[in-house]
Amino acid sequence: CAVRERYSSGTIYSEQSDYDYWGQGT
């Protein structure tokens, strides 16, 4: 799971670099 906390324009972000925080994975 990834969270984009910086400004989000309503676009869908599909690159890893678009996200700020990551979970540990399941």
PDB file of all heavy atoms in Angstrom:
ATOM      1  N   CYS A   1       0.853  -1.183   0.000  1.00  0.00           N
ATOM      2  CA  CYS A   1       0.000   0.000   0.000  1.00  0.00           C
ATOM      3  C   CYS A   1       0.892   1.238   0.000  1.00  0.00           C
ATOM      4  O   CYS A   1       1.919   1.266   0.695  1.00  0.00           O
ATOM      5  CB  CYS A   1      -0.878  -0.021   1.249  1.00  0.00           C
ATOM      6  SG  CYS A   1      -1.873   1.449   1.507  1.00  0.00           S
ATOM      7  N   ALA A   2       0.510   2.232  -0.768  1.00  0.00           N
ATOM      8  CA  ALA A   2       1.292   3.458  -0.860  1.00  0.00           C
ATOM      9  C   ALA A   2       0.395   4.673  -0.667  1.00  0.00           C
ATOM     10  O   ALA A   2      -0.756   4.686  -1.123  1.00  0.00           O
ATOM     11  CB  ALA A   2       1.987   3.528  -2.220  1.00  0.00           C
ATOM     12  N   VAL A   3       0.951   5.678  -0.006  1.00  0.00           N
ATOM     13  CA  VAL A   3       0.221   6.904   0.313  1.00  0.00           C
ATOM     14  C   VAL A   3       0.934   8.090  -0.328  1.00  0.00           C
ATOM     15  O   VAL A   3       2.141   8.270  -0.150  1.00  0.00           O
ATOM     16  CB  VAL A   3       0.142   7.131   1.834  1.00  0.00           C
ATOM     17  CG1 VAL A   3      -0.624   8.411   2.143  1.00  0.00           C
ATOM     18  CG2 VAL A   3      -0.490   5.940   2.521  1.00  0.00           C
ATOM     19  N   ARG A   4       0.180   8.895  -1.032  1.00  0.00           N
ATOM     20  CA  ARG A   4       0.709  10.140  -1.583  1.00  0.00           C
ATOM     21  C   ARG A   4       0.175  11.278  -0.726  1.00  0.00           C
ATOM     22  O   ARG A   4      -0.981  11.695  -0.898  1.00  0.00           O
ATOM     23  CB  ARG A   4       0.305  10.325  -3.038  1.00  0.00           C
ATOM     24  CG  ARG A   4       0.808  11.636  -3.637  1.00  0.00           C
ATOM     25  CD  ARG A   4       0.327  11.808  -5.072  1.00  0.00           C
ATOM     26  NE  ARG A   4       0.598  13.155  -5.556  1.00  0.00           N
ATOM     27  CZ  ARG A   4       1.706  13.491  -6.190  1.00  0.00           C
ATOM     28  NH1 ARG A   4       2.641  12.594  -6.458  1.00  0.00           N
ATOM     29  NH2 ARG A   4       1.871  14.736  -6.584  1.00  0.00           N
ATOM     30  N   GLU A   5       0.984  11.776   0.193  1.00  0.00           N
ATOM     31  CA  GLU A   5       0.523  12.820   1.106  1.00  0.00           C
ATOM     32  C   GLU A   5       0.676  14.205   0.488  1.00  0.00           C
ATOM     33  O   GLU A   5      -0.054  15.126   0.827  1.00  0.00           O
ATOM     34  CB  GLU A   5       1.286  12.756   2.424  1.00  0.00           C
ATOM     35  CG  GLU A   5       0.705  13.643   3.514  1.00  0.00           C
ATOM     36  CD  GLU A   5       1.473  13.540   4.811  1.00  0.00           C
ATOM     37  OE1 GLU A   5       2.717  13.563   4.761  1.00  0.00           O
ATOM     38  OE2 GLU A   5       0.820  13.425   5.878  1.00  0.00           O
ATOM     39  N   ARG A   6       1.641  14.375  -0.413  1.00  0.00           N
ATOM     40  CA  ARG A   6       1.806  15.681  -1.066  1.00  0.00           C
ATOM     41  C   ARG A   6       0.591  15.947  -1.938  1.00  0.00           C
ATOM     42  O   ARG A   6      -0.268  15.088  -2.136  1.00  0.00           O
ATOM     43  CB  ARG A   6       3.101  15.680  -1.900  1.00  0.00           C
ATOM     44  CG  ARG A   6       3.029  14.857  -3.169  1.00  0.00           C
ATOM     45  CD  ARG A   6       4.357  14.697  -3.849  1.00  0.00           C
ATOM     46  NE  ARG A   6       4.975  13.444  -3.495  1.00  0.00           N
ATOM     47  CZ  ARG A   6       5.772  12.757  -4.302  1.00  0.00           C
ATOM     48  NH1 ARG A   6       6.063  13.248  -5.495  1.00  0.00           N
ATOM     49  NH2 ARG A   6       6.307  11.615  -3.912  1.00  0.00           N
ATOM     50  N   TYR A   7       0.518  17.128  -2.481  1.00  0.00           N
ATOM     51  CA  TYR A   7      -0.649  17.545  -3.233  1.00  0.00           C
ATOM     52  C   TYR A   7      -1.084  16.495  -4.258  1.00  0.00           C
ATOM     53  O   TYR A   7      -0.270  15.981  -5.030  1.00  0.00           O
ATOM     54  CB  TYR A   7      -0.367  18.861  -3.954  1.00  0.00           C
ATOM     55  CG  TYR A   7      -1.463  19.275  -4.902  1.00  0.00           C
ATOM     56  CD1 TYR A   7      -2.674  19.751  -4.418  1.00  0.00           C
ATOM     57  CD2 TYR A   7      -1.301  19.155  -6.283  1.00  0.00           C
ATOM     58  CE1 TYR A   7      -3.697  20.107  -5.280  1.00  0.00           C
ATOM     59  CE2 TYR A   7      -2.312  19.500  -7.151  1.00  0.00           C
ATOM     60  CZ  TYR A   7      -3.504  19.984  -6.649  1.00  0.00           C
ATOM     61  OH  TYR A   7      -4.508  20.328  -7.513  1.00  0.00           O
ATOM     62  N   SER A   8      -2.375  16.184  -4.230  1.00  0.00           N
ATOM     63  CA  SER A   8      -2.947  15.232  -5.188  1.00  0.00           C
ATOM     64  C   SER A   8      -4.027  15.951  -5.965  1.00  0.00           C
ATOM     65  O   SER A   8      -4.976  16.475  -5.379  1.00  0.00           O
ATOM     66  CB  SER A   8      -3.535  14.020  -4.459  1.00  0.00           C
ATOM     67  OG  SER A   8      -2.538  13.295  -3.801  1.00  0.00           O
ATOM     68  N   SER A   9      -3.909  15.960  -7.268  1.00  0.00           N
ATOM     69  CA  SER A   9      -4.802  16.757  -8.100  1.00  0.00           C
ATOM     70  C   SER A   9      -6.063  16.030  -8.509  1.00  0.00           C
ATOM     71  O   SER A   9      -6.865  16.586  -9.241  1.00  0.00           O
ATOM     72  CB  SER A   9      -4.046  17.181  -9.364  1.00  0.00           C
ATOM     73  OG  SER A   9      -3.713  16.028 -10.119  1.00  0.00           O
ATOM     74  N   GLY A  10      -6.229  14.797  -8.030  1.00  0.00           N
ATOM     75  CA  GLY A  10      -7.353  14.013  -8.509  1.00  0.00           C
ATOM     76  C   GLY A  10      -6.929  13.039  -9.579  1.00  0.00           C
ATOM     77  O   GLY A  10      -7.721  12.231 -10.048  1.00  0.00           O
ATOM     78  N   THR A  11      -5.641  13.121  -9.933  1.00  0.00           N
ATOM     79  CA  THR A  11      -5.065  12.196 -10.896  1.00  0.00           C
ATOM     80  C   THR A  11      -4.737  10.878 -10.211  1.00  0.00           C
ATOM     81  O   THR A  11      -4.522  10.843  -9.005  1.00  0.00           O
ATOM     82  CB  THR A  11      -3.768  12.808 -11.460  1.00  0.00           C
ATOM     83  OG1 THR A  11      -4.065  14.074 -12.021  1.00  0.00           O
ATOM     84  CG2 THR A  11      -3.137  11.909 -12.501  1.00  0.00           C
ATOM     85  N   ILE A  12      -4.677   9.833 -10.987  1.00  0.00           N
ATOM     86  CA  ILE A  12      -4.196   8.560 -10.473  1.00  0.00           C
ATOM     87  C   ILE A  12      -2.693   8.502 -10.711  1.00  0.00           C
ATOM     88  O   ILE A  12      -2.226   8.736 -11.826  1.00  0.00           O
ATOM     89  CB  ILE A  12      -4.871   7.366 -11.185  1.00  0.00           C
ATOM     90  CG1 ILE A  12      -6.375   7.419 -10.954  1.00  0.00           C
ATOM     91  CG2 ILE A  12      -4.284   6.043 -10.689  1.00  0.00           C
ATOM     92  CD1 ILE A  12      -6.786   7.331  -9.510  1.00  0.00           C
ATOM     93  N   TYR A  13      -1.950   8.182  -9.669  1.00  0.00           N
ATOM     94  CA  TYR A  13      -0.493   8.153  -9.739  1.00  0.00           C
ATOM     95  C   TYR A  13      -0.032   6.710  -9.812  1.00  0.00           C
ATOM     96  O   TYR A  13      -0.361   5.906  -8.953  1.00  0.00           O
ATOM     97  CB  TYR A  13       0.088   8.864  -8.527  1.00  0.00           C
ATOM     98  CG  TYR A  13      -0.335  10.311  -8.463  1.00  0.00           C
ATOM     99  CD1 TYR A  13      -1.472  10.690  -7.764  1.00  0.00           C
ATOM    100  CD2 TYR A  13       0.393  11.288  -9.127  1.00  0.00           C
ATOM    101  CE1 TYR A  13      -1.867  12.010  -7.729  1.00  0.00           C
ATOM    102  CE2 TYR A  13       0.006  12.614  -9.089  1.00  0.00           C
ATOM    103  CZ  TYR A  13      -1.136  12.974  -8.393  1.00  0.00           C
ATOM    104  OH  TYR A  13      -1.521  14.274  -8.364  1.00  0.00           O
ATOM    105  N   SER A  14       0.723   6.381 -10.835  1.00  0.00           N
ATOM    106  CA  SER A  14       1.096   4.978 -11.069  1.00  0.00           C
ATOM    107  C   SER A  14       2.593   4.714 -10.966  1.00  0.00           C
ATOM    108  O   SER A  14       3.029   3.580 -11.174  1.00  0.00           O
ATOM    109  CB  SER A  14       0.606   4.532 -12.451  1.00  0.00           C
ATOM    110  OG  SER A  14       1.177   5.339 -13.461  1.00  0.00           O
ATOM    111  N   GLU A  15       3.373   5.727 -10.624  1.00  0.00           N
ATOM    112  CA  GLU A  15       4.811   5.532 -10.466  1.00  0.00           C
ATOM    113  C   GLU A  15       5.155   5.468  -8.983  1.00  0.00           C
ATOM    114  O   GLU A  15       4.574   6.189  -8.172  1.00  0.00           O
ATOM    115  CB  GLU A  15       5.580   6.680 -11.116  1.00  0.00           C
ATOM    116  CG  GLU A  15       5.353   6.821 -12.607  1.00  0.00           C
ATOM    117  CD  GLU A  15       5.891   5.649 -13.379  1.00  0.00           C
ATOM    118  OE1 GLU A  15       6.908   5.061 -12.947  1.00  0.00           O
ATOM    119  OE2 GLU A  15       5.307   5.302 -14.424  1.00  0.00           O
ATOM    120  N   GLN A  16       6.120   4.640  -8.642  1.00  0.00           N
ATOM    121  CA  GLN A  16       6.515   4.525  -7.244  1.00  0.00           C
ATOM    122  C   GLN A  16       6.975   5.863  -6.681  1.00  0.00           C
ATOM    123  O   GLN A  16       6.681   6.184  -5.516  1.00  0.00           O
ATOM    124  CB  GLN A  16       7.636   3.494  -7.104  1.00  0.00           C
ATOM    125  CG  GLN A  16       7.200   2.076  -7.438  1.00  0.00           C
ATOM    126  CD  GLN A  16       8.311   1.074  -7.224  1.00  0.00           C
ATOM    127  OE1 GLN A  16       8.822   0.922  -6.124  1.00  0.00           O
ATOM    128  NE2 GLN A  16       8.685   0.375  -8.300  1.00  0.00           N
ATOM    129  N   SER A  17       7.631   6.656  -7.483  1.00  0.00           N
ATOM    130  CA  SER A  17       8.148   7.942  -7.024  1.00  0.00           C
ATOM    131  C   SER A  17       7.047   8.959  -6.740  1.00  0.00           C
ATOM    132  O   SER A  17       7.304  10.004  -6.149  1.00  0.00           O
ATOM    133  CB  SER A  17       9.119   8.511  -8.062  1.00  0.00           C
ATOM    134  OG  SER A  17       8.472   8.671  -9.317  1.00  0.00           O
ATOM    135  N   ASP A  18       5.831   8.642  -7.142  1.00  0.00           N
ATOM    136  CA  ASP A  18       4.698   9.533  -6.869  1.00  0.00           C
ATOM    137  C   ASP A  18       4.212   9.443  -5.424  1.00  0.00           C
ATOM    138  O   ASP A  18       3.407  10.263  -5.002  1.00  0.00           O
ATOM    139  CB  ASP A  18       3.519   9.186  -7.791  1.00  0.00           C
ATOM    140  CG  ASP A  18       3.791   9.520  -9.245  1.00  0.00           C
ATOM    141  OD1 ASP A  18       4.528  10.490  -9.520  1.00  0.00           O
ATOM    142  OD2 ASP A  18       3.261   8.794 -10.124  1.00  0.00           O
ATOM    143  N   TYR A  19       4.672   8.441  -4.724  1.00  0.00           N
ATOM    144  CA  TYR A  19       4.164   8.166  -3.375  1.00  0.00           C
ATOM    145  C   TYR A  19       5.189   8.475  -2.297  1.00  0.00           C
ATOM    146  O   TYR A  19       6.386   8.382  -2.513  1.00  0.00           O
ATOM    147  CB  TYR A  19       3.699   6.712  -3.287  1.00  0.00           C
ATOM    148  CG  TYR A  19       2.466   6.474  -4.128  1.00  0.00           C
ATOM    149  CD1 TYR A  19       2.573   6.154  -5.476  1.00  0.00           C
ATOM    150  CD2 TYR A  19       1.194   6.621  -3.588  1.00  0.00           C
ATOM    151  CE1 TYR A  19       1.446   5.976  -6.267  1.00  0.00           C
ATOM    152  CE2 TYR A  19       0.062   6.440  -4.363  1.00  0.00           C
ATOM    153  CZ  TYR A  19       0.200   6.120  -5.704  1.00  0.00           C
ATOM    154  OH  TYR A  19      -0.927   5.956  -6.474  1.00  0.00           O
ATOM    155  N   ASP A  20       4.662   8.857  -1.129  1.00  0.00           N
ATOM    156  CA  ASP A  20       5.514   9.319  -0.039  1.00  0.00           C
ATOM    157  C   ASP A  20       5.750   8.281   1.052  1.00  0.00           C
ATOM    158  O   ASP A  20       6.776   8.293   1.711  1.00  0.00           O
ATOM    159  CB  ASP A  20       4.882  10.569   0.605  1.00  0.00           C
ATOM    160  CG  ASP A  20       4.650  11.670  -0.414  1.00  0.00           C
ATOM    161  OD1 ASP A  20       5.637  12.088  -1.058  1.00  0.00           O
ATOM    162  OD2 ASP A  20       3.489  12.098  -0.587  1.00  0.00           O
ATOM    163  N   TYR A  21       4.780   7.418   1.281  1.00  0.00           N
ATOM    164  CA  TYR A  21       4.878   6.434   2.351  1.00  0.00           C
ATOM    165  C   TYR A  21       4.447   5.068   1.838  1.00  0.00           C
ATOM    166  O   TYR A  21       3.524   4.959   1.020  1.00  0.00           O
ATOM    167  CB  TYR A  21       3.988   6.838   3.543  1.00  0.00           C
ATOM    168  CG  TYR A  21       4.337   8.176   4.123  1.00  0.00           C
ATOM    169  CD1 TYR A  21       3.556   9.293   3.834  1.00  0.00           C
ATOM    170  CD2 TYR A  21       5.447   8.340   4.962  1.00  0.00           C
ATOM    171  CE1 TYR A  21       3.870  10.536   4.354  1.00  0.00           C
ATOM    172  CE2 TYR A  21       5.764   9.581   5.486  1.00  0.00           C
ATOM    173  CZ  TYR A  21       4.979  10.666   5.182  1.00  0.00           C
ATOM    174  OH  TYR A  21       5.296  11.889   5.700  1.00  0.00           O
ATOM    175  N   TRP A  22       5.089   4.052   2.382  1.00  0.00           N
ATOM    176  CA  TRP A  22       4.829   2.673   1.967  1.00  0.00           C
ATOM    177  C   TRP A  22       4.614   1.781   3.171  1.00  0.00           C
ATOM    178  O   TRP A  22       5.249   1.951   4.209  1.00  0.00           O
ATOM    179  CB  TRP A  22       6.017   2.137   1.166  1.00  0.00           C
ATOM    180  CG  TRP A  22       6.175   2.832  -0.145  1.00  0.00           C
ATOM    181  CD1 TRP A  22       6.791   4.035  -0.374  1.00  0.00           C
ATOM    182  CD2 TRP A  22       5.708   2.380  -1.405  1.00  0.00           C
ATOM    183  NE1 TRP A  22       6.727   4.357  -1.708  1.00  0.00           N
ATOM    184  CE2 TRP A  22       6.065   3.348  -2.369  1.00  0.00           C
ATOM    185  CE3 TRP A  22       5.017   1.247  -1.834  1.00  0.00           C
ATOM    186  CZ2 TRP A  22       5.759   3.221  -3.720  1.00  0.00           C
ATOM    187  CZ3 TRP A  22       4.717   1.112  -3.189  1.00  0.00           C
ATOM    188  CH2 TRP A  22       5.088   2.090  -4.115  1.00  0.00           C
ATOM    189  N   GLY A  23       3.722   0.801   2.989  1.00  0.00           N
ATOM    190  CA  GLY A  23       3.550  -0.217   4.007  1.00  0.00           C
ATOM    191  C   GLY A  23       4.617  -1.292   3.903  1.00  0.00           C
ATOM    192  O   GLY A  23       5.453  -1.261   2.994  1.00  0.00           O
ATOM    193  N   GLN A  24       4.577  -2.235   4.825  1.00  0.00           N
ATOM    194  CA  GLN A  24       5.567  -3.310   4.857  1.00  0.00           C
ATOM    195  C   GLN A  24       5.251  -4.415   3.849  1.00  0.00           C
ATOM    196  O   GLN A  24       6.115  -5.232   3.548  1.00  0.00           O
ATOM    197  CB  GLN A  24       5.627  -3.904   6.268  1.00  0.00           C
ATOM    198  CG  GLN A  24       6.147  -2.939   7.313  1.00  0.00           C
ATOM    199  CD  GLN A  24       7.573  -2.532   7.036  1.00  0.00           C
ATOM    200  OE1 GLN A  24       8.442  -3.367   6.822  1.00  0.00           O
ATOM    201  NE2 GLN A  24       7.831  -1.231   7.029  1.00  0.00           N
ATOM    202  N   GLY A  25       4.026  -4.434   3.374  1.00  0.00           N
ATOM    203  CA  GLY A  25       3.633  -5.437   2.392  1.00  0.00           C
ATOM    204  C   GLY A  25       2.928  -6.623   3.017  1.00  0.00           C
ATOM    205  O   GLY A  25       3.136  -6.951   4.187  1.00  0.00           O
ATOM    206  N   THR A  26       2.086  -7.248   2.220  1.00  0.00           N
ATOM    207  CA  THR A  26       1.388  -8.455   2.645  1.00  0.00           C
ATOM    208  C   THR A  26       1.475  -9.474   1.510  1.00  0.00           C
ATOM    209  O   THR A  26       1.282  -9.137   0.341  1.00  0.00           O
ATOM    210  CB  THR A  26      -0.078  -8.154   3.031  1.00  0.00           C
ATOM    211  OG1 THR A  26      -0.693  -9.327   3.552  1.00  0.00           O
ATOM    212  CG2 THR A  26      -0.888  -7.650   1.850  1.00  0.00           C
TER     213      THR A  26
END
